[in-house]
Amino acid sequence: MSAQRCEDCWNYNYDEEADEYYCRMDLDEDEYYRAFARKDSRCRYFLQADDYYLPRHQ
């Protein structure tokens, strides 16, 4: 399996006011550490974003 990248995640959003990207999941410090501290761990909040997600489910 390929590694998960935040840029490919449905929860990775752009904030125009702050001019930056962020994860929209509301994580506390412990969850954030578990999700992003280790390189080999997989984010359990990762959702593959693609242009065909919604049309497939209609």
PDB file of N, CA and C in Angstrom:
ATOM      1  N   MET A   1       0.822  -1.191   0.000  1.00  0.00           N
ATOM      2  CA  MET A   1       0.000   0.000   0.000  1.00  0.00           C
ATOM      3  C   MET A   1       0.862   1.250   0.000  1.00  0.00           C
ATOM      4  N   SER A   2       0.402   2.276  -0.649  1.00  0.00           N
ATOM      5  CA  SER A   2       1.169   3.508  -0.674  1.00  0.00           C
ATOM      6  C   SER A   2       0.996   4.266   0.637  1.00  0.00           C
ATOM      7  N   ALA A   3       1.971   5.069   0.936  1.00  0.00           N
ATOM      8  CA  ALA A   3       1.921   5.854   2.170  1.00  0.00           C
ATOM      9  C   ALA A   3       0.833   6.913   2.055  1.00  0.00           C
ATOM     10  N   GLN A   4       0.210   7.195   3.165  1.00  0.00           N
ATOM     11  CA  GLN A   4      -0.815   8.220   3.181  1.00  0.00           C
ATOM     12  C   GLN A   4      -0.158   9.584   3.233  1.00  0.00           C
ATOM     13  N   ARG A   5      -0.698  10.508   2.464  1.00  0.00           N
ATOM     14  CA  ARG A   5      -0.193  11.870   2.457  1.00  0.00           C
ATOM     15  C   ARG A   5      -1.337  12.809   2.770  1.00  0.00           C
ATOM     16  N   CYS A   6      -1.077  13.793   3.604  1.00  0.00           N
ATOM     17  CA  CYS A   6      -2.126  14.748   3.955  1.00  0.00           C
ATOM     18  C   CYS A   6      -2.700  15.430   2.718  1.00  0.00           C
ATOM     19  N   GLU A   7      -1.869  15.680   1.716  1.00  0.00           N
ATOM     20  CA  GLU A   7      -2.324  16.362   0.507  1.00  0.00           C
ATOM     21  C   GLU A   7      -3.391  15.570  -0.239  1.00  0.00           C
ATOM     22  N   ASP A   8      -3.447  14.258  -0.028  1.00  0.00           N
ATOM     23  CA  ASP A   8      -4.420  13.403  -0.699  1.00  0.00           C
ATOM     24  C   ASP A   8      -5.652  13.122   0.155  1.00  0.00           C
ATOM     25  N   CYS A   9      -5.728  13.736   1.306  1.00  0.00           N
ATOM     26  CA  CYS A   9      -6.806  13.431   2.260  1.00  0.00           C
ATOM     27  C   CYS A   9      -7.990  14.377   2.100  1.00  0.00           C
ATOM     28  N   TRP A  10      -9.174  13.820   2.251  1.00  0.00           N
ATOM     29  CA  TRP A  10     -10.419  14.579   2.177  1.00  0.00           C
ATOM     30  C   TRP A  10     -10.477  15.637   3.292  1.00  0.00           C
ATOM     31  N   ASN A  11      -9.811  15.379   4.429  1.00  0.00           N
ATOM     32  CA  ASN A  11      -9.845  16.271   5.588  1.00  0.00           C
ATOM     33  C   ASN A  11      -8.793  17.370   5.548  1.00  0.00           C
ATOM     34  N   TYR A  12      -8.038  17.476   4.482  1.00  0.00           N
ATOM     35  CA  TYR A  12      -6.983  18.473   4.353  1.00  0.00           C
ATOM     36  C   TYR A  12      -7.550  19.673   3.611  1.00  0.00           C
ATOM     37  N   ASN A  13      -7.774  20.768   4.315  1.00  0.00           N
ATOM     38  CA  ASN A  13      -8.457  21.932   3.745  1.00  0.00           C
ATOM     39  C   ASN A  13      -7.561  23.153   3.700  1.00  0.00           C
ATOM     40  N   TYR A  14      -7.934  24.065   2.830  1.00  0.00           N
ATOM     41  CA  TYR A  14      -7.220  25.332   2.702  1.00  0.00           C
ATOM     42  C   TYR A  14      -8.024  26.429   3.375  1.00  0.00           C
ATOM     43  N   ASP A  15      -7.357  27.217   4.216  1.00  0.00           N
ATOM     44  CA  ASP A  15      -7.976  28.353   4.886  1.00  0.00           C
ATOM     45  C   ASP A  15      -7.506  29.618   4.182  1.00  0.00           C
ATOM     46  N   GLU A  16      -8.421  30.293   3.484  1.00  0.00           N
ATOM     47  CA  GLU A  16      -8.054  31.474   2.711  1.00  0.00           C
ATOM     48  C   GLU A  16      -7.615  32.628   3.597  1.00  0.00           C
ATOM     49  N   GLU A  17      -8.237  32.783   4.762  1.00  0.00           N
ATOM     50  CA  GLU A  17      -7.874  33.886   5.651  1.00  0.00           C
ATOM     51  C   GLU A  17      -6.459  33.724   6.197  1.00  0.00           C
ATOM     52  N   ALA A  18      -6.098  32.506   6.595  1.00  0.00           N
ATOM     53  CA  ALA A  18      -4.761  32.250   7.144  1.00  0.00           C
ATOM     54  C   ALA A  18      -3.757  31.933   6.038  1.00  0.00           C
ATOM     55  N   ASP A  19      -4.245  31.669   4.821  1.00  0.00           N
ATOM     56  CA  ASP A  19      -3.403  31.333   3.674  1.00  0.00           C
ATOM     57  C   ASP A  19      -2.538  30.106   3.961  1.00  0.00           C
ATOM     58  N   GLU A  20      -3.189  29.056   4.502  1.00  0.00           N
ATOM     59  CA  GLU A  20      -2.469  27.820   4.802  1.00  0.00           C
ATOM     60  C   GLU A  20      -3.410  26.636   4.799  1.00  0.00           C
ATOM     61  N   TYR A  21      -2.838  25.450   4.690  1.00  0.00           N
ATOM     62  CA  TYR A  21      -3.606  24.213   4.742  1.00  0.00           C
ATOM     63  C   TYR A  21      -3.616  23.673   6.162  1.00  0.00           C
ATOM     64  N   TYR A  22      -4.671  22.934   6.505  1.00  0.00           N
ATOM     65  CA  TYR A  22      -4.787  22.357   7.838  1.00  0.00           C
ATOM     66  C   TYR A  22      -5.646  21.094   7.781  1.00  0.00           C
ATOM     67  N   CYS A  23      -5.527  20.269   8.792  1.00  0.00           N
ATOM     68  CA  CYS A  23      -6.374  19.092   8.930  1.00  0.00           C
ATOM     69  C   CYS A  23      -7.629  19.512   9.675  1.00  0.00           C
ATOM     70  N   ARG A  24      -8.789  19.256   9.094  1.00  0.00           N
ATOM     71  CA  ARG A  24     -10.022  19.731   9.719  1.00  0.00           C
ATOM     72  C   ARG A  24     -10.532  18.819  10.835  1.00  0.00           C
ATOM     73  N   MET A  25      -9.847  17.716  11.078  1.00  0.00           N
ATOM     74  CA  MET A  25     -10.228  16.849  12.182  1.00  0.00           C
ATOM     75  C   MET A  25      -9.873  17.536  13.493  1.00  0.00           C
ATOM     76  N   ASP A  26     -10.775  17.506  14.434  1.00  0.00           N
ATOM     77  CA  ASP A  26     -10.555  18.153  15.722  1.00  0.00           C
ATOM     78  C   ASP A  26      -9.828  17.167  16.636  1.00  0.00           C
ATOM     79  N   LEU A  27      -8.503  17.222  16.627  1.00  0.00           N
ATOM     80  CA  LEU A  27      -7.688  16.276  17.381  1.00  0.00           C
ATOM     81  C   LEU A  27      -7.140  16.934  18.637  1.00  0.00           C
ATOM     82  N   ASP A  28      -7.151  16.186  19.741  1.00  0.00           N
ATOM     83  CA  ASP A  28      -6.468  16.701  20.919  1.00  0.00           C
ATOM     84  C   ASP A  28      -4.983  16.373  20.804  1.00  0.00           C
ATOM     85  N   GLU A  29      -4.185  16.794  21.782  1.00  0.00           N
ATOM     86  CA  GLU A  29      -2.734  16.632  21.680  1.00  0.00           C
ATOM     87  C   GLU A  29      -2.312  15.167  21.557  1.00  0.00           C
ATOM     88  N   ASP A  30      -2.938  14.297  22.324  1.00  0.00           N
ATOM     89  CA  ASP A  30      -2.582  12.875  22.287  1.00  0.00           C
ATOM     90  C   ASP A  30      -2.910  12.245  20.938  1.00  0.00           C
ATOM     91  N   GLU A  31      -4.084  12.541  20.401  1.00  0.00           N
ATOM     92  CA  GLU A  31      -4.470  12.010  19.089  1.00  0.00           C
ATOM     93  C   GLU A  31      -3.553  12.543  17.992  1.00  0.00           C
ATOM     94  N   TYR A  32      -3.218  13.806  18.074  1.00  0.00           N
ATOM     95  CA  TYR A  32      -2.328  14.399  17.081  1.00  0.00           C
ATOM     96  C   TYR A  32      -0.958  13.724  17.127  1.00  0.00           C
ATOM     97  N   TYR A  33      -0.448  13.515  18.324  1.00  0.00           N
ATOM     98  CA  TYR A  33       0.855  12.859  18.466  1.00  0.00           C
ATOM     99  C   TYR A  33       0.819  11.448  17.887  1.00  0.00           C
ATOM    100  N   ARG A  34      -0.216  10.677  18.231  1.00  0.00           N
ATOM    101  CA  ARG A  34      -0.326   9.309  17.714  1.00  0.00           C
ATOM    102  C   ARG A  34      -0.454   9.283  16.192  1.00  0.00           C
ATOM    103  N   ALA A  35      -1.136  10.253  15.634  1.00  0.00           N
ATOM    104  CA  ALA A  35      -1.374  10.263  14.190  1.00  0.00           C
ATOM    105  C   ALA A  35      -0.154  10.702  13.392  1.00  0.00           C
ATOM    106  N   PHE A  36       0.656  11.615  13.933  1.00  0.00           N
ATOM    107  CA  PHE A  36       1.698  12.227  13.119  1.00  0.00           C
ATOM    108  C   PHE A  36       3.127  12.087  13.644  1.00  0.00           C
ATOM    109  N   ALA A  37       3.327  11.566  14.813  1.00  0.00           N
ATOM    110  CA  ALA A  37       4.678  11.505  15.389  1.00  0.00           C
ATOM    111  C   ALA A  37       5.539  10.442  14.725  1.00  0.00           C
ATOM    112  N   ARG A  38       4.998   9.270  14.480  1.00  0.00           N
ATOM    113  CA  ARG A  38       5.785   8.188  13.894  1.00  0.00           C
ATOM    114  C   ARG A  38       5.604   8.181  12.388  1.00  0.00           C
ATOM    115  N   LYS A  39       6.694   8.006  11.678  1.00  0.00           N
ATOM    116  CA  LYS A  39       6.654   7.990  10.213  1.00  0.00           C
ATOM    117  C   LYS A  39       5.914   6.770   9.667  1.00  0.00           C
ATOM    118  N   ASP A  40       5.993   5.640  10.367  1.00  0.00           N
ATOM    119  CA  ASP A  40       5.391   4.413   9.852  1.00  0.00           C
ATOM    120  C   ASP A  40       3.927   4.237  10.238  1.00  0.00           C
ATOM    121  N   SER A  41       3.409   5.107  11.089  1.00  0.00           N
ATOM    122  CA  SER A  41       2.012   4.959  11.499  1.00  0.00           C
ATOM    123  C   SER A  41       1.091   5.535  10.433  1.00  0.00           C
ATOM    124  N   ARG A  42      -0.098   5.000  10.375  1.00  0.00           N
ATOM    125  CA  ARG A  42      -1.085   5.453   9.411  1.00  0.00           C
ATOM    126  C   ARG A  42      -2.151   6.260  10.142  1.00  0.00           C
ATOM    127  N   CYS A  43      -2.548   7.348   9.557  1.00  0.00           N
ATOM    128  CA  CYS A  43      -3.572   8.202  10.154  1.00  0.00           C
ATOM    129  C   CYS A  43      -4.916   7.497  10.052  1.00  0.00           C
ATOM    130  N   ARG A  44      -5.568   7.320  11.182  1.00  0.00           N
ATOM    131  CA  ARG A  44      -6.859   6.624  11.145  1.00  0.00           C
ATOM    132  C   ARG A  44      -7.984   7.529  10.648  1.00  0.00           C
ATOM    133  N   TYR A  45      -7.702   8.794  10.435  1.00  0.00           N
ATOM    134  CA  TYR A  45      -8.703   9.737   9.929  1.00  0.00           C
ATOM    135  C   TYR A  45      -8.548   9.983   8.429  1.00  0.00           C
ATOM    136  N   PHE A  46      -7.617   9.287   7.803  1.00  0.00           N
ATOM    137  CA  PHE A  46      -7.343   9.486   6.381  1.00  0.00           C
ATOM    138  C   PHE A  46      -8.512   8.997   5.537  1.00  0.00           C
ATOM    139  N   LEU A  47      -8.975   9.854   4.644  1.00  0.00           N
ATOM    140  CA  LEU A  47      -9.998   9.510   3.658  1.00  0.00           C
ATOM    141  C   LEU A  47      -9.464   9.917   2.295  1.00  0.00           C
ATOM    142  N   GLN A  48      -9.365   8.972   1.397  1.00  0.00           N
ATOM    143  CA  GLN A  48      -8.827   9.255   0.069  1.00  0.00           C
ATOM    144  C   GLN A  48      -9.729  10.228  -0.657  1.00  0.00           C
ATOM    145  N   ALA A  49      -9.191  11.359  -1.048  1.00  0.00           N
ATOM    146  CA  ALA A  49      -9.951  12.363  -1.782  1.00  0.00           C
ATOM    147  C   ALA A  49      -9.701  12.191  -3.277  1.00  0.00           C
ATOM    148  N   ASP A  50     -10.764  12.191  -4.036  1.00  0.00           N
ATOM    149  CA  ASP A  50     -10.639  12.179  -5.484  1.00  0.00           C
ATOM    150  C   ASP A  50     -11.867  12.839  -6.090  1.00  0.00           C
ATOM    151  N   ASP A  51     -11.781  13.183  -7.348  1.00  0.00           N
ATOM    152  CA  ASP A  51     -12.859  13.910  -8.017  1.00  0.00           C
ATOM    153  C   ASP A  51     -14.088  13.053  -8.283  1.00  0.00           C
ATOM    154  N   TYR A  52     -13.957  11.737  -8.187  1.00  0.00           N
ATOM    155  CA  TYR A  52     -15.053  10.846  -8.528  1.00  0.00           C
ATOM    156  C   TYR A  52     -15.743  10.234  -7.317  1.00  0.00           C
ATOM    157  N   TYR A  53     -15.400  10.684  -6.125  1.00  0.00           N
ATOM    158  CA  TYR A  53     -15.972  10.105  -4.904  1.00  0.00           C
ATOM    159  C   TYR A  53     -17.488  10.286  -4.858  1.00  0.00           C
ATOM    160  N   LEU A  54     -17.963  11.506  -5.007  1.00  0.00           N
ATOM    161  CA  LEU A  54     -19.403  11.754  -4.926  1.00  0.00           C
ATOM    162  C   LEU A  54     -20.185  11.156  -6.094  1.00  0.00           C
ATOM    163  N   PRO A  55     -19.730  11.305  -7.336  1.00  0.00           N
ATOM    164  CA  PRO A  55     -20.492  10.682  -8.435  1.00  0.00           C
ATOM    165  C   PRO A  55     -20.629   9.173  -8.327  1.00  0.00           C
ATOM    166  N   ARG A  56     -19.640   8.520  -7.750  1.00  0.00           N
ATOM    167  CA  ARG A  56     -19.724   7.061  -7.591  1.00  0.00           C
ATOM    168  C   ARG A  56     -20.841   6.662  -6.652  1.00  0.00           C
ATOM    169  N   HIS A  57     -21.166   7.526  -5.670  1.00  0.00           N
ATOM    170  CA  HIS A  57     -22.159   7.175  -4.653  1.00  0.00           C
ATOM    171  C   HIS A  57     -23.532   7.755  -4.949  1.00  0.00           C
ATOM    172  N   GLN A  58     -23.715   8.317  -6.114  1.00  0.00           N
ATOM    173  CA  GLN A  58     -25.031   8.874  -6.462  1.00  0.00           C
ATOM    174  C   GLN A  58     -25.851   7.861  -7.226  1.00  0.00           C
TER     175      GLN A  58
END
